Structure formats: C-alpha cells, structure tokens
C-alpha atoms as a PDB file:
ATOM      1  CA  MET A   1     -16.676  -8.839   5.512  1.00  0.00           C
ATOM      2  CA  LYS A   2     -13.474  -7.021   4.719  1.00  0.00           C
ATOM      3  CA  ASN A   3     -13.632  -4.042   2.402  1.00  0.00           C
ATOM      4  CA  ASN A   4     -10.531  -4.260   0.263  1.00  0.00           C
ATOM      5  CA  LYS A   5     -11.298  -0.983  -1.532  1.00  0.00           C
ATOM      6  CA  ILE A   6     -11.135   0.888   1.753  1.00  0.00           C
ATOM      7  CA  TYR A   7      -7.799  -0.710   2.707  1.00  0.00           C
ATOM      8  CA  LEU A   8      -6.423   0.075  -0.730  1.00  0.00           C
ATOM      9  CA  GLN A   9      -7.572   3.679  -0.356  1.00  0.00           C
ATOM     10  CA  HIS A  10      -5.940   3.940   3.080  1.00  0.00           C
ATOM     11  CA  ILE A  11      -2.628   2.801   1.611  1.00  0.00           C
ATOM     12  CA  LYS A  12      -2.868   5.232  -1.304  1.00  0.00           C
ATOM     13  CA  GLU A  13      -3.726   8.106   1.040  1.00  0.00           C
ATOM     14  CA  ALA A  14      -0.871   7.230   3.390  1.00  0.00           C
ATOM     15  CA  ILE A  15       1.585   7.233   0.488  1.00  0.00           C
ATOM     16  CA  GLU A  16       0.310  10.647  -0.641  1.00  0.00           C
ATOM     17  CA  THR A  17       0.564  11.966   2.905  1.00  0.00           C
ATOM     18  CA  ILE A  18       4.149  10.753   3.209  1.00  0.00           C
ATOM     19  CA  GLU A  19       4.963  12.407  -0.118  1.00  0.00           C
ATOM     20  CA  ASP A  20       3.488  15.658   1.222  1.00  0.00           C
ATOM     21  CA  TYR A  21       5.489  15.402   4.454  1.00  0.00           C
ATOM     22  CA  LEU A  22       8.705  14.838   2.515  1.00  0.00           C
ATOM     23  CA  LYS A  23       8.278  17.552  -0.126  1.00  0.00           C
ATOM     24  CA  GLY A  24      11.450  19.610  -0.102  1.00  0.00           C
ATOM     25  CA  VAL A  25      12.978  17.461   2.647  1.00  0.00           C
ATOM     26  CA  ASP A  26      16.349  15.806   2.125  1.00  0.00           C
ATOM     27  CA  TYR A  27      17.809  12.982   4.191  1.00  0.00           C
ATOM     28  CA  ASN A  28      19.739  15.318   6.515  1.00  0.00           C
ATOM     29  CA  VAL A  29      16.593  17.238   7.414  1.00  0.00           C
ATOM     30  CA  PHE A  30      14.625  14.009   7.813  1.00  0.00           C
ATOM     31  CA  LYS A  31      17.313  12.584  10.098  1.00  0.00           C
ATOM     32  CA  LYS A  32      17.211  15.649  12.359  1.00  0.00           C
ATOM     33  CA  ASP A  33      13.471  16.425  12.355  1.00  0.00           C
ATOM     34  CA  LYS A  34      11.745  14.119  14.830  1.00  0.00           C
ATOM     35  CA  MET A  35       8.298  15.487  14.038  1.00  0.00           C
ATOM     36  CA  ILE A  36       8.601  14.638  10.327  1.00  0.00           C
ATOM     37  CA  ARG A  37      10.054  11.201  11.120  1.00  0.00           C
ATOM     38  CA  ASP A  38       7.280  10.429  13.588  1.00  0.00           C
ATOM     39  CA  ALA A  39       4.609  11.544  11.121  1.00  0.00           C
ATOM     40  CA  VAL A  40       6.077   9.415   8.333  1.00  0.00           C
ATOM     41  CA  ILE A  41       6.432   6.411  10.623  1.00  0.00           C
ATOM     42  CA  ARG A  42       2.774   6.720  11.615  1.00  0.00           C
ATOM     43  CA  GLU A  43       1.728   6.607   7.956  1.00  0.00           C
ATOM     44  CA  LEU A  44       3.923   3.537   7.407  1.00  0.00           C
ATOM     45  CA  GLN A  45       2.085   1.910  10.305  1.00  0.00           C
ATOM     46  CA  ILE A  46      -1.224   2.636   8.581  1.00  0.00           C
ATOM     47  CA  ILE A  47       0.063   1.097   5.350  1.00  0.00           C
ATOM     48  CA  GLY A  48       1.107  -2.071   7.161  1.00  0.00           C
ATOM     49  CA  GLU A  49      -2.120  -2.324   9.104  1.00  0.00           C
ATOM     50  CA  ALA A  50      -4.204  -1.912   5.955  1.00  0.00           C
ATOM     51  CA  ALA A  51      -2.083  -4.511   4.140  1.00  0.00           C
ATOM     52  CA  ASN A  52      -2.722  -6.941   6.965  1.00  0.00           C
ATOM     53  CA  ASN A  53      -6.488  -6.649   6.487  1.00  0.00           C
ATOM     54  CA  PHE A  54      -6.898  -7.629   2.838  1.00  0.00           C
ATOM     55  CA  ASP A  55      -8.884 -10.819   2.418  1.00  0.00           C
ATOM     56  CA  LYS A  56      -7.316 -13.958   0.969  1.00  0.00           C
ATOM     57  CA  ASN A  57      -9.115 -13.668  -2.378  1.00  0.00           C
ATOM     58  CA  PHE A  58      -7.788 -10.152  -2.914  1.00  0.00           C
ATOM     59  CA  ILE A  59      -4.269 -11.282  -2.033  1.00  0.00           C
ATOM     60  CA  LYS A  60      -4.468 -14.176  -4.496  1.00  0.00           C
ATOM     61  CA  LYS A  61      -5.841 -11.875  -7.190  1.00  0.00           C
ATOM     62  CA  HIS A  62      -3.048  -9.304  -6.699  1.00  0.00           C
ATOM     63  CA  PRO A  63       0.199 -11.147  -5.921  1.00  0.00           C
ATOM     64  CA  GLU A  64       2.192  -8.182  -7.253  1.00  0.00           C
ATOM     65  CA  ILE A  65       1.461  -6.228  -4.067  1.00  0.00           C
ATOM     66  CA  PRO A  66       4.230  -6.700  -1.462  1.00  0.00           C
ATOM     67  CA  TYR A  67       1.864  -7.432   1.443  1.00  0.00           C
ATOM     68  CA  ARG A  68       4.466  -9.199   3.567  1.00  0.00           C
ATOM     69  CA  ASP A  69       6.957  -6.326   3.239  1.00  0.00           C
ATOM     70  CA  MET A  70       4.347  -3.769   4.304  1.00  0.00           C
ATOM     71  CA  ILE A  71       3.204  -5.870   7.248  1.00  0.00           C
ATOM     72  CA  ASP A  72       6.775  -6.612   8.331  1.00  0.00           C
ATOM     73  CA  MET A  73       7.684  -2.914   8.244  1.00  0.00           C
ATOM     74  CA  ARG A  74       4.636  -2.095  10.374  1.00  0.00           C
ATOM     75  CA  ASN A  75       5.503  -4.817  12.877  1.00  0.00           C
ATOM     76  CA  PHE A  76       9.097  -3.679  13.092  1.00  0.00           C
ATOM     77  CA  ILE A  77       8.086  -0.055  13.651  1.00  0.00           C
ATOM     78  CA  ILE A  78       5.536  -0.994  16.306  1.00  0.00           C
ATOM     79  CA  HIS A  79       7.581  -3.543  18.222  1.00  0.00           C
ATOM     80  CA  GLU A  80      11.104  -2.191  17.734  1.00  0.00           C
ATOM     81  CA  TYR A  81      10.294   1.519  17.892  1.00  0.00           C
ATOM     82  CA  PHE A  82      13.455   2.246  19.866  1.00  0.00           C
ATOM     83  CA  GLY A  83      15.613   0.594  17.226  1.00  0.00           C
ATOM     84  CA  VAL A  84      14.050   1.946  14.045  1.00  0.00           C
ATOM     85  CA  ASP A  85      16.788   2.849  11.601  1.00  0.00           C
ATOM     86  CA  VAL A  86      16.187   6.298  10.129  1.00  0.00           C
ATOM     87  CA  LYS A  87      17.982   5.389   6.891  1.00  0.00           C
ATOM     88  CA  THR A  88      15.760   2.334   6.412  1.00  0.00           C
ATOM     89  CA  VAL A  89      12.641   4.457   6.849  1.00  0.00           C
ATOM     90  CA  TRP A  90      14.024   7.048   4.429  1.00  0.00           C
ATOM     91  CA  ASP A  91      14.893   4.416   1.817  1.00  0.00           C
ATOM     92  CA  THR A  92      11.474   2.826   2.202  1.00  0.00           C
ATOM     93  CA  CYS A  93       9.859   6.173   1.444  1.00  0.00           C
ATOM     94  CA  GLN A  94      12.184   7.062  -1.420  1.00  0.00           C
ATOM     95  CA  ILE A  95      12.288   3.680  -3.164  1.00  0.00           C
ATOM     96  CA  ASP A  96       9.719   1.173  -1.962  1.00  0.00           C
ATOM     97  CA  LEU A  97       6.739   3.505  -1.715  1.00  0.00           C
ATOM     98  CA  LYS A  98       7.333   4.809  -5.226  1.00  0.00           C
ATOM     99  CA  GLU A  99       7.251   1.240  -6.532  1.00  0.00           C
ATOM    100  CA  LEU A 100       4.177   0.462  -4.455  1.00  0.00           C
ATOM    101  CA  LYS A 101       2.418   3.544  -5.779  1.00  0.00           C
ATOM    102  CA  LYS A 102       3.049   2.371  -9.357  1.00  0.00           C
ATOM    103  CA  ILE A 103       1.675  -1.071  -8.560  1.00  0.00           C
ATOM    104  CA  LEU A 104      -1.446   0.325  -6.914  1.00  0.00           C
ATOM    105  CA  LYS A 105      -2.217   2.614  -9.856  1.00  0.00           C
ATOM    106  CA  SER A 106      -2.934  -0.463 -11.946  1.00  0.00           C
ATOM    107  CA  ILE A 107      -5.495  -1.820  -9.478  1.00  0.00           C
END
C-alpha cells in the first residue's frame, strides 16, 4: 500500500531543501556553480519520483497538484542529463516550486 503522506512529505522537504540551497544565490551564481546545480537537480528528481508514487485515489482527490509536470521534469533530468537547460531548472525553482508549495500547504 502506498503511503501518500510520506510522498507528500518528501516533496515538501525537497522544496525546502532547494530553497535552502538557493538562499542568496542569483541566476549567475547558479549557472556557474555546478555543486549547487547538481544538488538542486537531485531534489527535483526526488520530487518527481515521489509524485510518481501517489496512488490513483489521492491523484483523483487532489487534481490541483501538477503530478505530470513533476514526473516529466524528473524523467527529463534523469534521461537527458547532458542536455538539461540551466535556465529551465532555475525557472522551475523560482516559479513552479513556489506555486507547488502554495498548493501543498492546503493539503
């Protein structure tokens, strides 16, 4: 049986971790600092993996969560690691994760 609470917690923790990694970091620093980029990308992988594990009932109950986007980002990062666009990762962290965090607060 899948434990949706645990997957939800993993996503929330990954978002918080990314926020910690990016505190005081602007795009130029992010673009140049491979260690920060790699750490952020790893957390995005965790988010996508957790999103892929929610059971069907949870997904139906919470259609406001962008499961497909999270899973697609994870798959892209994993399978196209050599072609990951730094700006896309940055924008995901600056825009999409903030929206996701708001959505998850209500659950």
